[in-house]
Protein backbone atom coordinates (compact mmCIF):
# COMPACT_ATOMS: atom_id res chain seq x y z
CA UNK A 1 55.92 47.12 -154.07
CA UNK A 2 53.80 49.16 -151.91
CA UNK A 3 54.28 48.98 -147.92
CA UNK A 4 50.54 47.55 -147.86
CA UNK A 5 51.72 44.41 -150.09
CA UNK A 6 55.20 44.43 -148.42
CA UNK A 7 53.54 43.92 -144.97
CA UNK A 8 51.32 41.20 -146.37
CA UNK A 9 54.29 39.44 -148.15
CA UNK A 10 56.82 39.31 -145.18
CA UNK A 11 56.77 36.94 -142.32
CA UNK A 12 54.73 34.31 -144.23
CA UNK A 13 52.31 32.95 -143.45
CA UNK A 14 51.78 35.12 -140.25
CA UNK A 15 51.20 38.85 -141.37
CA UNK A 16 48.82 37.58 -144.35
CA UNK A 17 46.79 35.71 -141.59
CA UNK A 18 46.95 38.61 -139.32
CA UNK A 19 46.49 41.74 -141.31
CA UNK A 20 44.31 40.05 -144.14
CA UNK A 21 42.62 36.71 -143.50
CA UNK A 22 41.53 37.31 -139.93
CA UNK A 23 40.21 40.78 -140.38
CA UNK A 24 38.50 39.82 -143.81
CA UNK A 25 36.88 36.53 -142.33
CA UNK A 26 35.26 38.29 -139.32
CA UNK A 27 34.21 41.29 -141.82
CA UNK A 28 32.67 38.93 -144.21
CA UNK A 29 30.92 36.92 -141.42
CA UNK A 30 29.47 40.42 -140.36
CA UNK A 31 28.49 41.32 -144.05
CA UNK A 32 26.78 38.00 -144.43
CA UNK A 33 24.89 38.06 -141.33
CA UNK A 34 23.97 41.63 -142.18
CA UNK A 35 22.29 40.54 -145.08
CA UNK A 36 20.44 38.10 -143.28
CA UNK A 37 19.20 40.18 -140.55
CA UNK A 38 18.16 43.04 -143.08
CA UNK A 39 15.94 40.50 -145.12
CA UNK A 40 14.78 38.41 -142.31
CA UNK A 41 14.38 41.21 -139.52
CA UNK A 42 15.03 38.03 -137.01
CA UNK A 43 16.76 39.99 -134.16
CA UNK A 44 17.09 36.90 -131.92
CA UNK A 45 18.78 33.62 -132.39
CA UNK A 46 22.28 32.19 -133.47
CA UNK A 47 22.66 34.66 -136.62
CA UNK A 48 21.89 37.57 -134.56
CA UNK A 49 24.45 36.74 -131.99
CA UNK A 50 27.15 35.78 -134.50
CA UNK A 51 26.64 39.29 -136.29
CA UNK A 52 26.96 41.05 -132.77
CA UNK A 53 29.78 39.12 -131.60
CA UNK A 54 31.68 39.38 -134.96
CA UNK A 55 31.11 42.71 -135.18
CA UNK A 56 32.43 43.58 -131.69
CA UNK A 57 35.69 40.89 -132.20
CA UNK A 58 36.37 42.65 -135.71
CA UNK A 59 36.17 46.10 -134.35
CA UNK A 60 38.53 45.40 -131.28
CA UNK A 61 40.78 43.54 -133.71
CA UNK A 62 41.08 46.16 -136.23
CA UNK A 63 41.59 48.97 -133.64
CA UNK A 64 44.96 47.20 -132.62
CA UNK A 65 45.66 46.66 -136.21
CA UNK A 66 45.15 50.41 -136.49
CA UNK A 67 47.38 51.17 -133.67
CA UNK A 68 49.89 48.96 -134.85
CA UNK A 69 50.13 50.00 -138.22
CA UNK A 70 50.15 53.81 -137.51
CA UNK A 71 53.13 53.35 -134.69
CA UNK A 72 54.99 50.99 -136.73
CA UNK A 73 54.60 51.99 -140.41
CA UNK A 74 52.95 55.28 -141.14
CA UNK A 75 54.70 57.27 -138.59
CA UNK A 76 58.28 55.80 -138.86
CA UNK A 77 57.70 55.98 -142.81
CA UNK A 78 56.52 59.34 -142.75
CA UNK A 79 59.44 60.66 -140.55
CA UNK A 80 62.04 58.87 -142.81
CA UNK A 81 60.20 60.20 -145.82
CA UNK A 82 60.18 56.48 -147.45
CA UNK A 83 56.61 56.72 -148.95
CA UNK A 84 56.75 54.94 -152.43
CA UNK A 85 54.76 57.54 -154.26
CA UNK A 86 51.53 58.73 -153.57
CA UNK A 87 49.80 55.16 -154.24
CA UNK A 88 51.92 53.78 -151.34
CA UNK A 89 50.05 56.52 -149.09
CA UNK A 90 46.63 55.66 -150.61
CA UNK A 91 47.09 51.93 -150.10
CA UNK A 92 48.30 52.20 -146.34
CA UNK A 93 46.11 54.95 -145.67
CA UNK A 94 42.63 53.40 -146.92
CA UNK A 95 43.82 50.31 -145.05
CA UNK A 96 43.90 52.27 -141.93
CA UNK A 97 40.78 54.09 -142.67
CA UNK A 98 38.93 51.03 -143.74
CA UNK A 99 39.10 49.62 -140.02
CA UNK A 100 37.57 52.79 -138.53
CA UNK A 101 33.73 51.81 -139.57
CA UNK A 102 34.45 48.19 -137.96
CA UNK A 103 35.52 50.14 -134.80
CA UNK A 104 32.43 52.00 -134.61
CA UNK A 105 30.39 48.82 -134.92
CA UNK A 106 32.16 47.44 -131.82
CA UNK A 107 31.67 50.64 -130.07
CA UNK A 108 27.96 50.29 -130.65
CA UNK A 109 27.80 46.54 -129.91
CA UNK A 110 29.41 47.38 -126.76
CA UNK A 111 26.84 50.11 -125.95
CA UNK A 112 29.36 53.17 -126.21
CA UNK A 113 27.36 54.89 -128.95
CA UNK A 114 24.03 54.52 -130.35
CA UNK A 115 22.68 52.94 -127.23
CA UNK A 116 19.43 54.49 -127.29
CA UNK A 117 18.40 53.25 -130.73
CA UNK A 118 16.48 50.23 -131.87
CA UNK A 119 18.04 47.19 -133.25
CA UNK A 120 16.64 48.06 -136.68
CA UNK A 121 18.36 51.60 -136.30
CA UNK A 122 21.57 49.87 -135.35
CA UNK A 123 21.27 47.25 -138.21
CA UNK A 124 21.23 50.24 -140.55
CA UNK A 125 24.32 51.66 -139.26
CA UNK A 126 25.88 48.45 -139.34
CA UNK A 127 25.08 48.04 -143.17
CA UNK A 128 26.59 51.77 -143.61
CA UNK A 129 29.70 50.77 -141.88
CA UNK A 130 30.15 47.36 -143.47
CA UNK A 131 29.76 49.15 -146.85
CA UNK A 132 32.29 51.79 -145.66
CA UNK A 133 34.90 49.19 -144.96
CA UNK A 134 34.25 47.20 -148.23
CA UNK A 135 34.56 50.24 -150.16
CA UNK A 136 37.90 51.51 -148.33
CA UNK A 137 39.26 47.82 -148.03
CA UNK A 138 39.01 47.27 -151.85
CA UNK A 139 40.62 50.55 -152.47
CA UNK A 140 43.53 49.50 -150.14
CA UNK A 141 43.79 46.21 -151.95
CA UNK A 142 43.76 47.43 -155.49
CA UNK A 143 46.13 50.13 -154.79
CA UNK A 144 48.28 47.97 -153.03
CA UNK A 145 49.12 45.69 -155.87
CA UNK A 146 49.96 48.68 -158.01
CA UNK A 147 53.66 48.93 -158.63
CA UNK A 148 54.91 52.52 -157.11
CA UNK A 149 57.59 53.01 -160.13
CA UNK A 150 54.56 53.66 -162.35
CA UNK A 151 54.04 56.84 -160.32
CA UNK A 152 58.00 57.72 -160.24
CA UNK A 153 59.37 55.53 -157.32
CA UNK A 154 62.67 54.31 -157.80
CA UNK A 155 63.94 51.88 -155.41
CA UNK A 156 67.11 52.32 -153.57
CA UNK A 157 67.66 48.63 -153.17
CA UNK A 158 69.89 47.83 -156.30
CA UNK A 159 68.83 43.95 -156.05
CA UNK A 160 65.28 44.92 -156.83
CA UNK A 161 64.76 42.95 -160.31
CA UNK A 162 61.28 41.90 -159.77
CA UNK A 163 60.38 43.66 -163.05
CA UNK A 164 62.66 41.79 -164.86
CA UNK A 165 62.15 38.64 -163.32
CA UNK A 166 59.82 35.81 -164.60
CA UNK A 167 56.60 34.97 -162.81
CA UNK A 168 57.53 31.40 -162.07
CA UNK A 169 60.85 32.84 -160.05
CA UNK A 170 58.54 34.74 -157.83
CA UNK A 171 56.11 32.09 -156.72
CA UNK A 172 57.93 30.78 -153.56
CA UNK A 173 60.73 32.00 -151.52
CA UNK A 174 61.87 29.17 -148.91
């Protein structure tokens, strides 16, 4: 499996919650509130505040994820030359890149960039950034699910029998 999927699979359920569920719930909240605000132009009230705070929180959260992944996965895997084919690089790389637009949203909401823009202009940038997150996030998820051996990766683990193992044996590891 790719390092992306391995990250989500190990330390269950914590890594799945930390690296997938948490950021996705916040990003989806941001996306849904974006649609509401784009259609209603109601820049006051609960939905607007939920949009702003979820944007700040997901951006700060993903900044931490980016630092963690780069320091604890990208750099060591690169130094040890342990990438599991180019598909592994794409999966991990696009996951990291997906967070950058969310970090930009947080920077905007904190007033560090685009402070002079109107709420409507900021909302347009939000929509672009959310779209970029969704594009790169989905590329990461799709490529992360691809078996790297399709592209020539050969596991050095002699116990890796996942390709021959029936699905019912892969359901639970307790």
